[in-house]
Amino acid sequence: MMFFRKSRLVYLVAREVSKKYTLPLLIGFFLGIFGMIAIKQLFPKLSMYVSTKTLRIGVVGDVTPTTLPMNIQELLSSGLTRVSPDQAPIPGLALSWEATESGKSYDFTIREDALWHNGKPVLPKDINYNIRDVSFEVISPRILRATLKEPFAPFLSLVAKPILEKGLRGFGPYRVANVRFKGDTVQFLRLDPVTDITKPSREYRFFRTEAAAITAYQLGDIDNIEELSTKESIANWKTAHILDRPRYDRVVALYFNTKDPLLGEKAVRQALGYAVTDLGFERAYSPIAKTSWAYTDTIKKYDFDLPQAKKLMTNAHVASQSAGLTITTFSQYIDVAQKIASSWTNLGVPTIVQVVNTIGPFQVLLAALSLPPDPDQYPLWHSTQQATNLTGYVNVKIDKLLEDGRKELDQEKRKKIYVDFAKRLVEDAPAIFLYYPTTYTVTRRK
């Protein structure tokens, strides 16, 4: 009986309150519904800012907004094309393209779903690569035409460079949330995901030297270091996970000054190639990347062969007393250079090592070459390219192959040209290609 009396009392009180406050209650009810809808709509954006998952990454090297590492640029945007694993051009911002006028004109069909990070659609008029002797013209709302002065087969690889507006605005999966400079160089860069909030934010800190990056890691300022050239100082760290990766887009090589009286002889250069001992890295034999569609393995290989090296030196009639050499290199390759110098000295060619900060005059240069995605290497080996042809190499047949390779659009025909180029260049040995360098990424164990 008591229960029913209390229930009746609650009912009467509720009825009187609802009569007196009908309007406020209705307003509160509808505000509650709208509030729930608003929270549901805003939650993805709010969660992006309250998310605590952030990757703190250290990168070695001075960079400006235009020289950011390619892996960072590709998070922010893409080019008209992209580069496939075998380094052939594939669709990027452009869904397709058509080459006309024997390769002097390209019509690119632009994707309709691409949006700049400010929400505006990406239009053909927004795109204008600063490429010498190339002009861009909007043909229709989705067609962009590039006109070249001369046919240039590597062009499709050039427009794989990610397109970025002022402020590093692109249309990729990440946007710039914060950037700090010291002078013209980037010191700090924070990237947040644009739509996929399950992805972590990324904070990049840039260091001039590997030692500075390692110190920042030890102090806890960063949790990752990308692409260290050596792991000696961190190999025994129990808190670090180290991932090593061969870099097939680079090759470490010995470059010979072909104007040097001794090194001007092909037999001497070949002998020195055969006298290089195993250096402990994955061997490289070609100037063209191992992963490239234009690569061939059917080329001369200068694996260590001391008897063959001595035979070639004898046939070249080189007097040991006049055969002294200096290997010029950078600090990160000093151990490799000393191994080679020791091996050449055992061959009968006394060799010393010189460490420098910049490339100047040299007899033999030990350095890493960045291999472009396209097999075109005109700047490195054509006789007219005095500023970039470091070896001073002159070969009429090589010149012709490099010229033809730039003009030929058919990929199969181009491959034949570059296979011939690689075979002839390696046989002539203006450089001995040694190995693909290994880089190390360090991640703090959780």
Protein backbone atom coordinates (compact mmCIF):
# COMPACT_ATOMS: atom_id res chain seq x y z
CA MET A 1 0.00 0.00 0.00
CA MET A 2 2.86 2.34 0.88
CA PHE A 3 4.45 1.72 -2.56
CA PHE A 4 1.31 2.79 -4.43
CA ARG A 5 0.98 5.98 -2.29
CA LYS A 6 4.56 6.98 -3.12
CA SER A 7 4.06 6.22 -6.84
CA ARG A 8 0.91 8.34 -6.91
CA LEU A 9 2.73 11.21 -5.19
CA VAL A 10 5.57 11.08 -7.77
CA TYR A 11 3.03 11.07 -10.61
CA LEU A 12 1.13 14.09 -9.22
CA VAL A 13 4.36 16.07 -8.70
CA ALA A 14 5.57 15.22 -12.23
CA ARG A 15 2.24 16.28 -13.72
CA GLU A 16 2.27 19.61 -11.96
CA VAL A 17 5.90 20.29 -12.94
CA SER A 18 5.23 19.38 -16.60
CA LYS A 19 2.25 21.77 -16.69
CA LYS A 20 4.25 24.62 -15.20
CA TYR A 21 7.47 24.07 -17.21
CA THR A 22 6.17 22.64 -20.50
CA LEU A 23 8.04 25.10 -22.75
CA PRO A 24 11.47 24.81 -21.01
CA LEU A 25 11.19 21.01 -21.02
CA LEU A 26 10.40 20.93 -24.75
CA ILE A 27 13.31 23.26 -25.50
CA GLY A 28 15.64 21.13 -23.42
CA PHE A 29 14.44 17.96 -25.18
CA PHE A 30 15.11 19.33 -28.67
CA LEU A 31 18.44 20.87 -27.62
CA GLY A 32 19.48 17.46 -26.36
CA ILE A 33 18.66 15.82 -29.70
CA PHE A 34 20.51 18.51 -31.70
CA GLY A 35 23.44 18.30 -29.30
CA MET A 36 23.76 14.55 -29.84
CA ILE A 37 23.71 15.02 -33.63
CA ALA A 38 26.34 17.79 -33.46
CA ILE A 39 28.63 15.71 -31.25
CA LYS A 40 28.32 12.80 -33.65
CA GLN A 41 29.31 15.05 -36.58
CA LEU A 42 32.17 16.78 -34.78
CA PHE A 43 33.60 13.74 -33.03
CA PRO A 44 35.95 12.68 -35.88
CA LYS A 45 37.45 16.18 -36.03
CA LEU A 46 37.67 16.50 -32.24
CA SER A 47 39.25 13.08 -31.89
CA MET A 48 41.98 14.12 -34.33
CA TYR A 49 43.10 16.81 -31.91
CA VAL A 50 42.74 14.86 -28.69
CA SER A 51 44.49 11.80 -30.12
CA THR A 52 47.73 11.18 -28.28
CA LYS A 53 49.36 8.91 -30.87
CA THR A 54 52.19 10.80 -32.47
CA LEU A 55 55.33 9.50 -34.17
CA ARG A 56 58.37 11.62 -33.25
CA ILE A 57 60.90 11.17 -36.03
CA GLY A 58 64.44 12.43 -36.46
CA VAL A 59 65.81 13.11 -39.94
CA VAL A 60 69.45 13.91 -40.71
CA GLY A 61 70.14 16.74 -43.12
CA ASP A 62 69.44 20.42 -43.73
CA VAL A 63 66.24 20.79 -45.75
CA THR A 64 64.13 23.64 -47.07
CA PRO A 65 60.44 23.49 -48.02
CA THR A 66 61.45 22.61 -51.59
CA THR A 67 63.99 19.92 -50.62
CA LEU A 68 61.99 17.91 -48.10
CA PRO A 69 62.72 14.17 -48.29
CA MET A 70 60.58 12.53 -50.95
CA ASN A 71 58.82 10.23 -48.44
CA ILE A 72 57.56 13.33 -46.59
CA GLN A 73 56.49 15.09 -49.79
CA GLU A 74 54.52 12.01 -50.84
CA LEU A 75 52.55 12.14 -47.57
CA LEU A 76 51.52 15.69 -48.41
CA SER A 77 50.78 15.36 -52.12
CA SER A 78 51.52 13.54 -55.37
CA GLY A 79 52.64 14.40 -58.87
CA LEU A 80 50.82 14.09 -62.16
CA THR A 81 52.41 10.65 -62.26
CA ARG A 82 53.91 8.31 -59.68
CA VAL A 83 56.80 5.87 -59.97
CA SER A 84 56.07 2.13 -59.77
CA PRO A 85 58.36 -0.36 -57.97
CA ASP A 86 60.15 -1.02 -61.28
CA GLN A 87 60.47 2.77 -61.70
CA ALA A 88 58.08 3.08 -64.63
CA PRO A 89 55.62 6.05 -64.57
CA ILE A 90 52.06 5.20 -63.49
CA PRO A 91 48.95 7.37 -62.87
CA GLY A 92 49.04 9.84 -59.99
CA LEU A 93 46.96 13.02 -60.02
CA ALA A 94 46.54 12.30 -63.73
CA LEU A 95 44.33 9.29 -64.42
CA SER A 96 45.88 8.93 -67.87
CA TRP A 97 47.89 10.77 -70.50
CA GLU A 98 48.40 10.78 -74.25
CA ALA A 99 51.65 11.66 -76.02
CA THR A 100 51.37 13.30 -79.44
CA GLU A 101 53.65 15.10 -81.90
CA SER A 102 56.33 12.43 -81.45
CA GLY A 103 56.58 13.09 -77.74
CA LYS A 104 56.53 16.91 -77.85
CA SER A 105 53.03 17.16 -76.38
CA TYR A 106 51.30 15.36 -73.48
CA ASP A 107 47.62 15.65 -72.57
CA PHE A 108 46.95 14.71 -68.91
CA THR A 109 43.45 13.85 -67.68
CA ILE A 110 43.18 15.10 -64.08
CA ARG A 111 41.28 13.24 -61.34
CA GLU A 112 37.98 14.79 -60.28
CA ASP A 113 38.11 13.67 -56.62
CA ALA A 114 41.36 15.39 -55.61
CA LEU A 115 40.95 18.20 -53.05
CA TRP A 116 43.55 20.62 -51.74
CA HIS A 117 43.93 20.55 -47.97
CA ASN A 118 41.81 23.72 -47.78
CA GLY A 119 38.89 21.81 -49.34
CA LYS A 120 39.09 23.33 -52.82
CA PRO A 121 39.18 20.98 -55.84
CA VAL A 122 42.50 20.48 -57.63
CA LEU A 123 42.15 21.94 -61.12
CA PRO A 124 44.44 21.82 -64.16
CA LYS A 125 45.11 25.56 -63.80
CA ASP A 126 46.68 24.91 -60.38
CA ILE A 127 49.50 22.85 -61.90
CA ASN A 128 52.59 24.38 -63.46
CA TYR A 129 55.88 22.60 -62.94
CA ASN A 130 58.90 24.85 -63.37
CA ILE A 131 60.60 22.73 -66.04
CA ARG A 132 62.88 24.33 -68.58
CA ASP A 133 61.50 24.44 -72.14
CA VAL A 134 58.13 23.01 -71.03
CA SER A 135 54.89 25.03 -71.04
CA PHE A 136 51.53 24.03 -69.54
CA GLU A 137 48.11 24.95 -70.92
CA VAL A 138 44.56 24.18 -69.74
CA ILE A 139 42.65 22.54 -72.59
CA SER A 140 39.38 21.72 -70.80
CA PRO A 141 38.08 21.57 -67.20
CA ARG A 142 39.98 18.29 -66.70
CA ILE A 143 42.69 18.28 -69.40
CA LEU A 144 46.15 19.79 -68.93
CA ARG A 145 48.53 19.93 -71.90
CA ALA A 146 52.30 20.02 -71.53
CA THR A 147 54.26 21.16 -74.59
CA LEU A 148 57.96 20.37 -74.86
CA LYS A 149 60.50 22.08 -77.06
CA GLU A 150 61.99 18.69 -78.00
CA PRO A 151 60.91 15.08 -77.32
CA PHE A 152 62.15 14.04 -73.89
CA ALA A 153 61.37 10.47 -72.79
CA PRO A 154 62.19 11.01 -69.05
CA PHE A 155 59.50 13.74 -68.87
CA LEU A 156 56.89 11.47 -67.28
CA SER A 157 59.29 10.77 -64.41
CA LEU A 158 59.93 14.49 -63.90
CA VAL A 159 56.23 15.16 -63.31
CA ALA A 160 56.15 12.50 -60.59
CA LYS A 161 57.45 15.19 -58.22
CA PRO A 162 54.66 15.96 -55.70
CA ILE A 163 52.76 19.19 -56.38
CA LEU A 164 52.74 21.59 -53.41
CA GLU A 165 51.24 25.06 -53.07
CA LYS A 166 52.56 27.79 -50.79
CA GLY A 167 52.65 26.66 -47.18
CA LEU A 168 53.30 23.05 -48.25
CA ARG A 169 49.62 22.60 -49.06
CA GLY A 170 48.92 19.48 -51.10
CA PHE A 171 46.16 16.92 -51.57
CA GLY A 172 47.73 13.87 -49.94
CA PRO A 173 46.71 11.88 -46.85
CA TYR A 174 48.54 14.29 -44.47
CA ARG A 175 48.45 18.08 -44.03
CA VAL A 176 50.93 20.44 -42.38
CA ALA A 177 49.76 21.34 -38.87
CA ASN A 178 52.90 23.18 -37.76
CA VAL A 179 56.28 24.11 -39.21
CA ARG A 180 59.21 25.96 -37.65
CA PHE A 181 62.24 27.41 -39.42
CA LYS A 182 65.75 28.49 -38.60
CA GLY A 183 66.61 30.84 -41.41
CA ASP A 184 65.56 29.06 -44.60
CA THR A 185 65.89 25.54 -43.20
CA VAL A 186 63.07 23.52 -41.67
CA GLN A 187 63.70 22.62 -38.03
CA PHE A 188 60.35 21.07 -37.08
CA LEU A 189 57.40 19.79 -39.08
CA ARG A 190 54.16 18.31 -37.77
CA LEU A 191 51.81 16.45 -40.11
CA ASP A 192 48.25 15.46 -39.18
CA PRO A 193 46.06 12.97 -41.10
CA VAL A 194 43.46 14.63 -43.30
CA THR A 195 40.61 12.10 -43.05
CA ASP A 196 41.85 8.79 -41.62
CA ILE A 197 42.03 9.51 -37.88
CA THR A 198 43.34 6.01 -37.19
CA LYS A 199 46.68 7.12 -38.62
CA PRO A 200 49.14 8.73 -36.19
CA SER A 201 50.32 12.29 -36.49
CA ARG A 202 53.98 12.70 -37.44
CA GLU A 203 56.46 15.13 -35.92
CA TYR A 204 59.74 15.50 -37.79
CA ARG A 205 62.83 17.11 -36.27
CA PHE A 206 65.77 17.78 -38.58
CA PHE A 207 69.40 17.49 -37.49
CA ARG A 208 72.57 18.56 -39.25
CA THR A 209 74.54 15.45 -38.18
CA GLU A 210 73.82 11.85 -37.23
CA ALA A 211 75.50 12.46 -33.87
CA ALA A 212 73.00 15.24 -33.09
CA ALA A 213 70.07 12.98 -34.01
CA ILE A 214 71.41 10.16 -31.81
CA THR A 215 71.80 12.58 -28.87
CA ALA A 216 68.18 13.73 -29.32
CA TYR A 217 67.10 10.07 -29.28
CA GLN A 218 69.03 9.44 -26.05
CA LEU A 219 67.44 12.50 -24.44
CA GLY A 220 63.97 11.24 -25.39
CA ASP A 221 63.19 14.11 -27.78
CA ILE A 222 62.49 11.66 -30.63
CA ASP A 223 61.54 7.98 -30.81
CA ASN A 224 62.70 7.22 -34.36
CA ILE A 225 65.72 8.10 -36.50
CA GLU A 226 65.40 7.51 -40.24
CA GLU A 227 68.22 6.41 -42.55
CA LEU A 228 71.35 6.41 -40.44
CA SER A 229 74.40 5.48 -42.52
CA THR A 230 75.89 3.31 -39.74
CA LYS A 231 74.63 1.44 -36.68
CA GLU A 232 77.92 1.11 -34.82
CA SER A 233 77.05 3.60 -32.07
CA ILE A 234 73.56 2.15 -31.45
CA ALA A 235 73.98 -1.57 -32.16
CA ASN A 236 74.04 -2.53 -28.45
CA TRP A 237 71.15 -0.39 -27.30
CA LYS A 238 68.58 -2.65 -25.65
CA THR A 239 65.77 -0.12 -26.07
CA ALA A 240 66.23 0.22 -29.83
CA HIS A 241 64.85 -1.82 -32.69
CA ILE A 242 67.07 -1.42 -35.77
CA LEU A 243 65.76 -2.03 -39.28
CA ASP A 244 68.33 -2.19 -42.07
CA ARG A 245 67.42 -1.58 -45.70
CA PRO A 246 69.54 -1.67 -48.87
CA ARG A 247 68.99 1.48 -50.91
CA TYR A 248 68.58 0.49 -54.54
CA ASP A 249 68.11 4.15 -55.49
CA ARG A 250 71.76 4.82 -54.63
CA VAL A 251 75.05 3.20 -55.56
CA VAL A 252 78.48 3.70 -54.02
CA ALA A 253 81.15 3.83 -56.72
CA LEU A 254 84.77 4.66 -57.46
CA TYR A 255 84.96 7.49 -60.00
CA PHE A 256 88.22 7.74 -61.95
CA ASN A 257 89.62 10.98 -63.31
CA THR A 258 90.03 9.85 -66.90
CA LYS A 259 92.28 12.85 -67.62
CA ASP A 260 94.86 11.53 -65.13
CA PRO A 261 97.93 10.07 -66.93
CA LEU A 262 97.63 6.76 -65.09
CA LEU A 263 93.85 6.44 -64.97
CA GLY A 264 93.38 7.40 -68.60
CA GLU A 265 94.14 3.76 -69.53
CA LYS A 266 91.14 1.43 -69.49
CA ALA A 267 93.28 -1.59 -68.50
CA VAL A 268 94.45 0.22 -65.36
CA ARG A 269 90.89 1.14 -64.37
CA GLN A 270 89.74 -2.44 -64.92
CA ALA A 271 92.70 -3.77 -62.89
CA LEU A 272 91.79 -1.52 -59.99
CA GLY A 273 88.20 -2.78 -60.23
CA TYR A 274 89.31 -6.41 -59.96
CA ALA A 275 91.51 -5.49 -56.97
CA VAL A 276 88.61 -4.33 -54.75
CA THR A 277 87.97 -6.90 -52.00
CA ASP A 278 84.54 -7.82 -50.65
CA LEU A 279 83.24 -4.80 -48.74
CA GLY A 280 80.41 -6.53 -46.88
CA PHE A 281 77.47 -4.93 -48.71
CA GLU A 282 75.16 -6.06 -51.51
CA ARG A 283 77.23 -5.76 -54.67
CA ALA A 284 76.21 -3.37 -57.44
CA TYR A 285 77.52 -3.74 -60.99
CA SER A 286 75.61 -1.22 -63.07
CA PRO A 287 74.93 2.53 -63.20
CA ILE A 288 71.24 1.67 -63.60
CA ALA A 289 69.23 0.75 -60.51
CA LYS A 290 68.73 -2.95 -59.85
CA THR A 291 64.98 -2.36 -59.54
CA SER A 292 64.67 -0.48 -62.84
CA TRP A 293 62.79 -1.83 -65.85
CA ALA A 294 65.93 -0.97 -67.88
CA TYR A 295 68.36 -2.98 -65.73
CA THR A 296 70.41 -5.85 -67.13
CA ASP A 297 72.57 -8.35 -65.28
CA THR A 298 74.46 -9.41 -68.41
CA ILE A 299 77.34 -7.00 -67.95
CA LYS A 300 81.00 -7.25 -66.99
CA LYS A 301 81.46 -7.95 -63.28
CA TYR A 302 84.54 -6.78 -61.42
CA ASP A 303 84.46 -9.34 -58.61
CA PHE A 304 87.69 -9.61 -56.63
CA ASP A 305 90.32 -11.33 -58.79
CA LEU A 306 93.86 -10.36 -57.81
CA PRO A 307 95.63 -12.50 -60.47
CA GLN A 308 93.54 -10.85 -63.21
CA ALA A 309 94.26 -7.43 -61.72
CA LYS A 310 98.02 -8.08 -61.72
CA LYS A 311 97.86 -9.38 -65.28
CA LEU A 312 96.12 -6.23 -66.51
CA MET A 313 98.58 -3.98 -64.68
CA THR A 314 101.52 -5.87 -66.19
CA ASN A 315 100.06 -5.59 -69.69
CA ALA A 316 99.56 -1.88 -69.13
CA HIS A 317 103.29 -1.52 -68.38
CA VAL A 318 102.66 0.56 -65.27
CA ALA A 319 105.73 1.17 -63.11
CA SER A 320 104.80 0.78 -59.43
CA GLN A 321 106.96 3.72 -58.38
CA SER A 322 104.91 6.07 -60.58
CA ALA A 323 101.55 4.51 -59.83
CA GLY A 324 100.67 6.18 -56.54
CA LEU A 325 96.99 7.06 -56.08
CA THR A 326 94.85 9.10 -53.71
CA ILE A 327 91.26 8.11 -52.95
CA THR A 328 89.20 11.17 -52.09
CA THR A 329 86.06 10.45 -50.05
CA PHE A 330 83.72 11.64 -47.32
CA SER A 331 83.84 10.74 -43.63
CA GLN A 332 81.09 8.10 -43.79
CA TYR A 333 83.08 6.08 -46.35
CA ILE A 334 86.52 6.27 -44.73
CA ASP A 335 86.52 2.63 -43.59
CA VAL A 336 85.60 1.42 -47.08
CA ALA A 337 88.20 3.70 -48.65
CA GLN A 338 90.93 2.37 -46.38
CA LYS A 339 90.08 -1.23 -47.28
CA ILE A 340 90.32 -0.39 -50.98
CA ALA A 341 93.57 1.56 -50.46
CA SER A 342 95.11 -1.42 -48.67
CA SER A 343 94.05 -3.78 -51.46
CA TRP A 344 95.47 -1.50 -54.18
CA THR A 345 98.71 -1.12 -52.26
CA ASN A 346 98.99 -4.93 -52.18
CA LEU A 347 98.48 -4.85 -55.94
CA GLY A 348 101.58 -2.70 -56.20
CA VAL A 349 99.85 0.66 -56.47
CA PRO A 350 100.59 2.65 -53.27
CA THR A 351 97.35 4.35 -52.28
CA ILE A 352 96.38 6.84 -49.58
CA VAL A 353 92.99 8.21 -48.45
CA GLN A 354 91.95 11.85 -48.29
CA VAL A 355 88.75 12.89 -46.47
CA VAL A 356 86.93 16.01 -47.71
CA ASN A 357 83.66 17.86 -47.15
CA THR A 358 83.05 18.88 -50.76
CA ILE A 359 84.04 17.48 -54.15
CA GLY A 360 87.08 19.13 -55.68
CA PRO A 361 89.85 17.88 -57.96
CA PHE A 362 90.55 14.17 -57.48
CA GLN A 363 92.30 11.13 -58.90
CA VAL A 364 89.79 8.63 -57.53
CA LEU A 365 86.55 9.65 -55.85
CA LEU A 366 84.65 7.26 -53.58
CA ALA A 367 81.09 8.55 -53.23
CA ALA A 368 77.42 7.60 -53.44
CA LEU A 369 75.41 8.37 -56.56
CA SER A 370 71.65 8.88 -56.35
CA LEU A 371 70.09 6.90 -59.18
CA PRO A 372 67.18 8.70 -60.88
CA PRO A 373 63.95 6.76 -61.43
CA ASP A 374 64.41 7.08 -65.18
CA PRO A 375 67.49 5.31 -66.62
CA ASP A 376 68.57 8.50 -68.41
CA GLN A 377 72.08 9.43 -67.22
CA TYR A 378 72.94 12.08 -69.78
CA PRO A 379 74.23 14.59 -67.19
CA LEU A 380 76.67 12.07 -65.67
CA TRP A 381 78.33 10.58 -68.75
CA HIS A 382 77.72 12.72 -71.85
CA SER A 383 80.93 14.44 -72.94
CA THR A 384 79.27 17.87 -73.18
CA GLN A 385 78.26 17.92 -69.51
CA GLN A 386 81.44 19.34 -68.02
CA ALA A 387 79.88 20.43 -64.70
CA THR A 388 78.31 17.04 -63.87
CA ASN A 389 80.47 14.56 -65.82
CA LEU A 390 82.85 14.24 -62.86
CA THR A 391 85.21 11.77 -64.52
CA GLY A 392 85.74 13.86 -67.66
CA TYR A 393 84.64 10.80 -69.63
CA VAL A 394 84.47 11.06 -73.44
CA ASN A 395 83.05 8.29 -75.60
CA VAL A 396 81.29 9.01 -78.89
CA LYS A 397 79.21 5.82 -78.81
CA ILE A 398 78.07 6.46 -75.23
CA ASP A 399 77.10 10.01 -76.25
CA LYS A 400 74.94 8.66 -79.09
CA LEU A 401 73.20 6.10 -76.88
CA LEU A 402 72.40 8.73 -74.27
CA GLU A 403 71.01 11.05 -76.93
CA ASP A 404 68.87 8.30 -78.48
CA GLY A 405 67.59 7.11 -75.10
CA ARG A 406 66.18 10.55 -74.36
CA LYS A 407 64.21 10.68 -77.61
CA GLU A 408 62.80 7.15 -77.83
CA LEU A 409 59.31 6.81 -76.30
CA ASP A 410 58.81 3.06 -76.75
CA GLN A 411 59.88 1.40 -73.49
CA GLU A 412 61.13 -1.83 -75.08
CA LYS A 413 63.28 0.08 -77.55
CA ARG A 414 64.55 2.30 -74.76
CA LYS A 415 65.51 -0.75 -72.73
CA LYS A 416 67.69 -2.04 -75.58
CA ILE A 417 69.42 1.32 -75.73
CA TYR A 418 70.15 1.40 -72.00
CA VAL A 419 71.25 -2.22 -71.87
CA ASP A 420 73.80 -1.37 -74.58
CA PHE A 421 74.76 1.79 -72.66
CA ALA A 422 75.32 -0.07 -69.39
CA LYS A 423 77.39 -2.82 -71.02
CA ARG A 424 79.67 -0.36 -72.83
CA LEU A 425 80.08 1.96 -69.85
CA VAL A 426 80.94 -0.85 -67.42
CA GLU A 427 83.39 -2.34 -69.93
CA ASP A 428 85.12 1.02 -70.35
CA ALA A 429 85.16 1.52 -66.56
CA PRO A 430 85.26 5.29 -66.04
CA ALA A 431 83.79 4.21 -62.71
CA ILE A 432 83.62 0.95 -60.78
CA PHE A 433 80.20 0.41 -59.22
CA LEU A 434 80.67 -1.20 -55.81
CA TYR A 435 77.56 -1.68 -53.70
CA TYR A 436 74.10 -0.50 -52.70
CA PRO A 437 74.45 1.33 -49.38
CA THR A 438 72.47 0.13 -46.38
CA THR A 439 70.61 2.62 -44.20
CA TYR A 440 69.33 2.00 -40.69
CA THR A 441 66.09 3.14 -39.11
CA VAL A 442 66.02 3.13 -35.31
CA THR A 443 62.75 2.80 -33.39
CA ARG A 444 62.38 2.91 -29.62
CA ARG A 445 61.01 -0.30 -28.19
CA LYS A 446 57.79 0.16 -26.22
